Amino acid sequence: MKIKNNIAVSENGFVFNPASGESFTTNQVGLEMLNLMRKGTKKEAIIAAITEKFEADTGVIERDLNDFSEMLKQYHLHQHEES
């Protein structure tokens, strides 16, 4: 899971896509997920990190990450992974 390199993400959850000029906001959990994705962190490691940091249920975090990832794809913020 990786976010495009040119996507700007602020400390308070403001996300800007310079390619389209669109901007978005996310909550603290989404911001943490984005930051981990930007580092190229694997899905399982993201789930573990979010679960620990926010003391949440693993199943809920996995579902939220899948939903969030799909939303990022819809907004063309995802970087295509090479095979």
Protein backbone atom coordinates (compact mmCIF):
# COMPACT_ATOMS: atom_id res chain seq x y z
CA MET A 1 0.00 0.00 0.00
CA LYS A 2 1.57 3.22 -1.09
CA ILE A 3 0.42 6.78 -1.66
CA LYS A 4 1.71 8.80 -4.61
CA ASN A 5 4.88 10.73 -3.75
CA ASN A 6 3.51 14.11 -4.83
CA ILE A 7 0.56 14.02 -2.40
CA ALA A 8 0.95 16.60 0.37
CA VAL A 9 -0.30 15.67 3.83
CA SER A 10 -0.30 18.17 6.70
CA GLU A 11 0.01 17.36 10.40
CA ASN A 12 -3.67 18.12 10.96
CA GLY A 13 -5.01 15.81 8.23
CA PHE A 14 -5.25 18.13 5.24
CA VAL A 15 -4.47 16.19 2.04
CA PHE A 16 -3.67 17.93 -1.24
CA ASN A 17 -3.31 16.34 -4.67
CA PRO A 18 -1.31 18.78 -6.84
CA ALA A 19 -2.07 16.80 -10.00
CA SER A 20 -5.81 17.49 -9.74
CA GLY A 21 -5.87 20.50 -7.40
CA GLU A 22 -8.26 18.64 -5.11
CA SER A 23 -7.95 18.68 -1.35
CA PHE A 24 -9.40 16.47 1.36
CA THR A 25 -9.36 16.18 5.13
CA THR A 26 -9.07 13.08 7.27
CA ASN A 27 -9.33 12.27 10.95
CA GLN A 28 -6.44 11.21 13.21
CA VAL A 29 -6.76 7.51 12.34
CA GLY A 30 -6.84 8.27 8.61
CA LEU A 31 -3.83 10.55 9.01
CA GLU A 32 -1.87 7.79 10.73
CA MET A 33 -2.85 5.34 7.99
CA LEU A 34 -1.77 7.82 5.30
CA ASN A 35 1.60 8.41 6.96
CA LEU A 36 2.26 4.68 7.19
CA MET A 37 1.18 4.17 3.57
CA ARG A 38 3.51 6.96 2.44
CA LYS A 39 6.38 5.00 4.01
CA GLY A 40 5.36 1.90 2.05
CA THR A 41 4.30 0.00 5.17
CA LYS A 42 2.61 -3.33 4.48
CA LYS A 43 -1.09 -3.75 5.24
CA GLU A 44 -0.56 -6.10 8.20
CA ALA A 45 1.94 -3.72 9.81
CA ILE A 46 -0.44 -0.78 9.36
CA ILE A 47 -3.24 -2.72 11.04
CA ALA A 48 -0.97 -3.69 13.94
CA ALA A 49 0.32 -0.13 14.42
CA ILE A 50 -3.14 1.46 14.32
CA THR A 51 -4.61 -1.20 16.60
CA GLU A 52 -1.89 -0.58 19.18
CA LYS A 53 -1.83 3.22 18.96
CA PHE A 54 -5.59 3.69 19.19
CA GLU A 55 -6.33 0.59 21.30
CA ALA A 56 -8.90 -0.59 18.78
CA ASP A 57 -10.22 -3.93 17.59
CA THR A 58 -8.08 -5.49 14.86
CA GLY A 59 -11.10 -6.47 12.77
CA VAL A 60 -12.51 -2.95 12.85
CA ILE A 61 -9.15 -1.45 11.88
CA GLU A 62 -8.73 -3.92 9.01
CA ARG A 63 -12.19 -3.06 7.66
CA ASP A 64 -11.53 0.68 8.07
CA LEU A 65 -8.17 0.37 6.29
CA ASN A 66 -9.77 -1.50 3.39
CA ASP A 67 -12.51 1.15 3.10
CA PHE A 68 -9.99 3.98 3.37
CA SER A 69 -7.74 2.38 0.77
CA GLU A 70 -10.66 2.04 -1.67
CA MET A 71 -11.53 5.69 -1.15
CA LEU A 72 -7.92 6.69 -1.87
CA LYS A 73 -8.06 4.68 -5.10
CA GLN A 74 -11.26 6.47 -6.15
CA TYR A 75 -9.52 9.82 -5.66
CA HIS A 76 -6.44 8.58 -7.55
CA LEU A 77 -4.15 9.04 -4.53
CA HIS A 78 -2.90 5.44 -4.57
CA GLN A 79 0.37 4.61 -6.27
CA HIS A 80 0.12 1.58 -8.54
CA GLU A 81 2.22 -1.20 -7.07
CA GLU A 82 4.63 -2.95 -9.38
CA SER A 83 4.43 -6.72 -9.73
